[in-house]
C-alpha atoms as a PDB file:
ATOM      1  CA  MET A   1      -0.097   0.233   0.011  1.00  0.00           C
ATOM      2  CA  ASP A   2       1.329   3.450  -0.757  1.00  0.00           C
ATOM      3  CA  ILE A   3       1.486   5.744   2.010  1.00  0.00           C
ATOM      4  CA  LYS A   4      -0.418   8.704   0.148  1.00  0.00           C
ATOM      5  CA  ASP A   5      -3.558   6.418   0.258  1.00  0.00           C
ATOM      6  CA  ILE A   6      -3.541   6.798   4.081  1.00  0.00           C
ATOM      7  CA  ILE A   7      -1.735   9.904   4.792  1.00  0.00           C
ATOM      8  CA  LEU A   8      -2.198  13.430   3.069  1.00  0.00           C
ATOM      9  CA  THR A   9       0.338  15.188   1.536  1.00  0.00           C
ATOM     10  CA  GLU A  10       1.106  19.000   2.240  1.00  0.00           C
ATOM     11  CA  LYS A  11      -0.581  19.348  -1.523  1.00  0.00           C
ATOM     12  CA  GLY A  12      -3.557  17.027  -0.525  1.00  0.00           C
ATOM     13  CA  LEU A  13      -4.012  19.176   2.671  1.00  0.00           C
ATOM     14  CA  ASN A  14      -3.930  22.431   0.880  1.00  0.00           C
ATOM     15  CA  ALA A  15      -6.364  21.062  -1.634  1.00  0.00           C
ATOM     16  CA  ILE A  16      -8.610  20.538   1.183  1.00  0.00           C
ATOM     17  CA  ASP A  17      -8.274  24.276   2.980  1.00  0.00           C
ATOM     18  CA  SER A  18      -8.206  26.053  -0.571  1.00  0.00           C
ATOM     19  CA  GLY A  19     -10.541  24.173  -2.616  1.00  0.00           C
ATOM     20  CA  VAL A  20     -10.421  22.454  -5.793  1.00  0.00           C
ATOM     21  CA  TRP A  21     -12.840  21.943  -8.596  1.00  0.00           C
ATOM     22  CA  VAL A  22     -14.802  18.791  -8.636  1.00  0.00           C
ATOM     23  CA  ASP A  23     -16.663  17.811 -11.812  1.00  0.00           C
ATOM     24  CA  ASP A  24     -17.564  14.102 -11.772  1.00  0.00           C
ATOM     25  CA  LEU A  25     -20.598  14.403 -10.234  1.00  0.00           C
ATOM     26  CA  ILE A  26     -22.895  11.406 -11.616  1.00  0.00           C
ATOM     27  CA  GLU A  27     -25.859  13.191 -10.724  1.00  0.00           C
ATOM     28  CA  ALA A  28     -25.192  16.329 -12.409  1.00  0.00           C
ATOM     29  CA  PRO A  29     -23.348  16.254 -15.537  1.00  0.00           C
ATOM     30  CA  GLY A  30     -21.755  19.316 -16.756  1.00  0.00           C
ATOM     31  CA  LEU A  31     -21.719  20.858 -13.532  1.00  0.00           C
ATOM     32  CA  ARG A  32     -18.523  21.792 -11.893  1.00  0.00           C
ATOM     33  CA  LEU A  33     -18.363  22.738  -8.324  1.00  0.00           C
ATOM     34  CA  LEU A  34     -15.385  24.762  -6.353  1.00  0.00           C
ATOM     35  CA  VAL A  35     -15.288  23.373  -2.978  1.00  0.00           C
ATOM     36  CA  THR A  36     -13.056  22.918   0.030  1.00  0.00           C
ATOM     37  CA  GLY A  37     -13.176  19.688   1.940  1.00  0.00           C
ATOM     38  CA  LEU A  38     -15.418  19.353   5.086  1.00  0.00           C
ATOM     39  CA  ARG A  39     -12.146  18.952   6.809  1.00  0.00           C
ATOM     40  CA  SER A  40     -10.830  22.314   5.833  1.00  0.00           C
ATOM     41  CA  LYS A  41      -9.682  23.950   8.834  1.00  0.00           C
ATOM     42  CA  GLU A  42     -12.431  26.907   8.061  1.00  0.00           C
ATOM     43  CA  ALA A  43     -15.407  24.285   7.694  1.00  0.00           C
ATOM     44  CA  GLN A  44     -14.567  22.645  10.670  1.00  0.00           C
ATOM     45  CA  LYS A  45     -14.170  26.312  12.599  1.00  0.00           C
ATOM     46  CA  ALA A  46     -17.340  27.056  11.307  1.00  0.00           C
ATOM     47  CA  GLN A  47     -19.161  23.713  12.247  1.00  0.00           C
ATOM     48  CA  GLU A  48     -17.991  23.987  15.711  1.00  0.00           C
ATOM     49  CA  GLN A  49     -19.056  27.384  16.258  1.00  0.00           C
ATOM     50  CA  LYS A  50     -22.517  26.842  15.007  1.00  0.00           C
ATOM     51  CA  GLN A  51     -23.003  23.793  16.855  1.00  0.00           C
ATOM     52  CA  ALA A  52     -21.776  25.719  19.795  1.00  0.00           C
ATOM     53  CA  HIS A  53     -24.115  28.873  19.319  1.00  0.00           C
ATOM     54  CA  LEU A  54     -27.132  26.108  19.062  1.00  0.00           C
ATOM     55  CA  ARG A  55     -26.038  24.226  22.127  1.00  0.00           C
ATOM     56  CA  LEU A  56     -26.419  27.676  24.180  1.00  0.00           C
ATOM     57  CA  LYS A  57     -29.744  28.192  22.761  1.00  0.00           C
ATOM     58  CA  ASN A  58     -30.688  24.585  23.710  1.00  0.00           C
ATOM     59  CA  ARG A  59     -29.293  25.403  27.028  1.00  0.00           C
ATOM     60  CA  GLY A  60     -27.017  22.490  27.059  1.00  0.00           C
ATOM     61  CA  LYS A  61     -29.605  20.004  25.469  1.00  0.00           C
ATOM     62  CA  PRO A  62     -28.407  17.910  22.545  1.00  0.00           C
ATOM     63  CA  LEU A  63     -28.868  19.400  19.161  1.00  0.00           C
ATOM     64  CA  THR A  64     -31.723  17.802  16.893  1.00  0.00           C
ATOM     65  CA  ASP A  65     -31.358  16.446  13.832  1.00  0.00           C
ATOM     66  CA  ALA A  66     -32.798  19.366  11.971  1.00  0.00           C
ATOM     67  CA  GLN A  67     -30.479  21.705  13.976  1.00  0.00           C
ATOM     68  CA  LEU A  68     -27.407  19.685  12.946  1.00  0.00           C
ATOM     69  CA  ALA A  69     -28.815  19.530   9.274  1.00  0.00           C
ATOM     70  CA  LYS A  70     -29.304  23.473   9.448  1.00  0.00           C
ATOM     71  CA  ALA A  71     -25.784  24.027  10.626  1.00  0.00           C
ATOM     72  CA  MET A  72     -24.229  21.827   7.964  1.00  0.00           C
ATOM     73  CA  LYS A  73     -26.371  23.722   5.052  1.00  0.00           C
ATOM     74  CA  GLU A  74     -25.015  26.875   6.465  1.00  0.00           C
ATOM     75  CA  VAL A  75     -21.409  25.949   6.301  1.00  0.00           C
ATOM     76  CA  LEU A  76     -21.609  24.307   2.764  1.00  0.00           C
ATOM     77  CA  ALA A  77     -23.204  27.876   1.708  1.00  0.00           C
ATOM     78  CA  GLU A  78     -20.874  30.207   3.695  1.00  0.00           C
ATOM     79  CA  VAL A  79     -17.418  28.072   3.532  1.00  0.00           C
ATOM     80  CA  VAL A  80     -17.290  25.062   1.450  1.00  0.00           C
ATOM     81  CA  LEU A  81     -18.943  26.220  -2.028  1.00  0.00           C
ATOM     82  CA  LYS A  82     -16.691  28.648  -3.524  1.00  0.00           C
ATOM     83  CA  ASP A  83     -17.993  28.876  -7.279  1.00  0.00           C
ATOM     84  CA  TRP A  84     -20.112  26.868  -9.837  1.00  0.00           C
ATOM     85  CA  ASP A  85     -19.628  26.318 -13.397  1.00  0.00           C
ATOM     86  CA  GLY A  86     -22.359  24.771 -15.874  1.00  0.00           C
ATOM     87  CA  LEU A  87     -25.376  25.702 -14.111  1.00  0.00           C
ATOM     88  CA  ASN A  88     -27.920  26.975 -16.084  1.00  0.00           C
ATOM     89  CA  ASP A  89     -31.640  28.562 -15.866  1.00  0.00           C
ATOM     90  CA  ASN A  90     -33.668  27.859 -19.189  1.00  0.00           C
ATOM     91  CA  GLY A  91     -30.310  27.340 -20.943  1.00  0.00           C
ATOM     92  CA  GLN A  92     -28.722  30.742 -19.523  1.00  0.00           C
ATOM     93  CA  PRO A  93     -25.662  30.247 -17.329  1.00  0.00           C
ATOM     94  CA  VAL A  94     -26.249  31.182 -13.622  1.00  0.00           C
ATOM     95  CA  PRO A  95     -23.347  33.048 -12.006  1.00  0.00           C
ATOM     96  CA  TYR A  96     -22.168  32.138  -8.732  1.00  0.00           C
ATOM     97  CA  SER A  97     -23.065  34.530  -5.862  1.00  0.00           C
ATOM     98  CA  LYS A  98     -22.420  33.683  -2.581  1.00  0.00           C
ATOM     99  CA  GLU A  99     -26.159  35.031  -1.608  1.00  0.00           C
ATOM    100  CA  LEU A 100     -27.763  32.946  -4.404  1.00  0.00           C
ATOM    101  CA  ALA A 101     -25.723  30.175  -3.048  1.00  0.00           C
ATOM    102  CA  THR A 102     -26.735  30.407   0.726  1.00  0.00           C
ATOM    103  CA  LYS A 103     -30.321  31.009  -0.643  1.00  0.00           C
ATOM    104  CA  TRP A 104     -30.535  27.781  -2.192  1.00  0.00           C
ATOM    105  CA  LEU A 105     -28.305  25.617   0.161  1.00  0.00           C
ATOM    106  CA  THR A 106     -30.207  26.815   3.331  1.00  0.00           C
ATOM    107  CA  SER A 107     -34.020  26.308   1.853  1.00  0.00           C
ATOM    108  CA  ARG A 108     -36.031  23.216   1.640  1.00  0.00           C
ATOM    109  CA  ALA A 109     -36.308  23.995  -2.292  1.00  0.00           C
ATOM    110  CA  GLY A 110     -32.343  23.554  -2.319  1.00  0.00           C
ATOM    111  CA  GLU A 111     -32.003  20.233  -0.919  1.00  0.00           C
ATOM    112  CA  GLY A 112     -30.478  18.639  -4.288  1.00  0.00           C
ATOM    113  CA  LEU A 113     -28.127  21.333  -4.568  1.00  0.00           C
ATOM    114  CA  ALA A 114     -27.248  20.934  -0.811  1.00  0.00           C
ATOM    115  CA  SER A 115     -26.466  17.150  -1.681  1.00  0.00           C
ATOM    116  CA  LEU A 116     -24.167  17.821  -4.401  1.00  0.00           C
ATOM    117  CA  VAL A 117     -22.061  20.200  -2.619  1.00  0.00           C
ATOM    118  CA  LEU A 118     -21.628  17.582   0.492  1.00  0.00           C
ATOM    119  CA  THR A 119     -20.943  14.774  -2.035  1.00  0.00           C
ATOM    120  CA  ALA A 120     -18.167  17.133  -3.857  1.00  0.00           C
ATOM    121  CA  ALA A 121     -16.739  18.292  -0.597  1.00  0.00           C
ATOM    122  CA  GLN A 122     -16.624  14.637   0.475  1.00  0.00           C
ATOM    123  CA  LYS A 123     -14.494  13.505  -2.665  1.00  0.00           C
ATOM    124  CA  VAL A 124     -12.307  16.567  -1.893  1.00  0.00           C
ATOM    125  CA  ASP A 125     -11.576  14.826   1.530  1.00  0.00           C
ATOM    126  CA  ASP A 126     -11.566  11.409   0.541  1.00  0.00           C
ATOM    127  CA  GLN A 127      -9.176  12.196  -2.818  1.00  0.00           C
ATOM    128  CA  ALA A 128      -7.288  15.135  -1.512  1.00  0.00           C
ATOM    129  CA  ASN A 129      -3.922  14.054  -2.499  1.00  0.00           C
ATOM    130  CA  ASP A 130      -5.467  12.730  -6.256  1.00  0.00           C
ATOM    131  CA  PHE A 131      -6.792  16.047  -6.614  1.00  0.00           C
ATOM    132  CA  ALA A 132      -3.577  17.899  -5.509  1.00  0.00           C
ATOM    133  CA  GLU A 133      -1.689  15.671  -8.124  1.00  0.00           C
ATOM    134  CA  GLU A 134      -4.104  16.718 -10.763  1.00  0.00           C
ATOM    135  CA  VAL A 135      -3.855  20.447 -10.086  1.00  0.00           C
ATOM    136  CA  THR A 136      -0.038  20.319 -10.290  1.00  0.00           C
ATOM    137  CA  LYS A 137      -0.211  18.449 -13.594  1.00  0.00           C
ATOM    138  CA  ASN A 138      -2.230  21.321 -15.276  1.00  0.00           C
END
């Protein structure tokens, strides 16, 4: 077994923290998402802060599944998703904006997009070394 299959390289960690384009989303051909990994320093910090805030509101009671999901969607919108390419509305390209991403990712109507962003971020976490090598080649 190659060590890079179980230990992240510095370039792999950088891919997780800085973000990379993910374009092999089976559920969304032609769509590319620029995402960080969920294990990025920024995503971890944001998730911890959101959960701590919710625990305070709950007065120490455990967070509900709905609260955990809400926090995750906010992290996807605020930290993880950096850009998109190939997203259209009636054939017209939809330019990325953080405001639009937040609106969609945090609403019930945006469950499909949230799922795609989550999948892309997990791919970055799981295949960070491979993404880093691909970026280096280009």
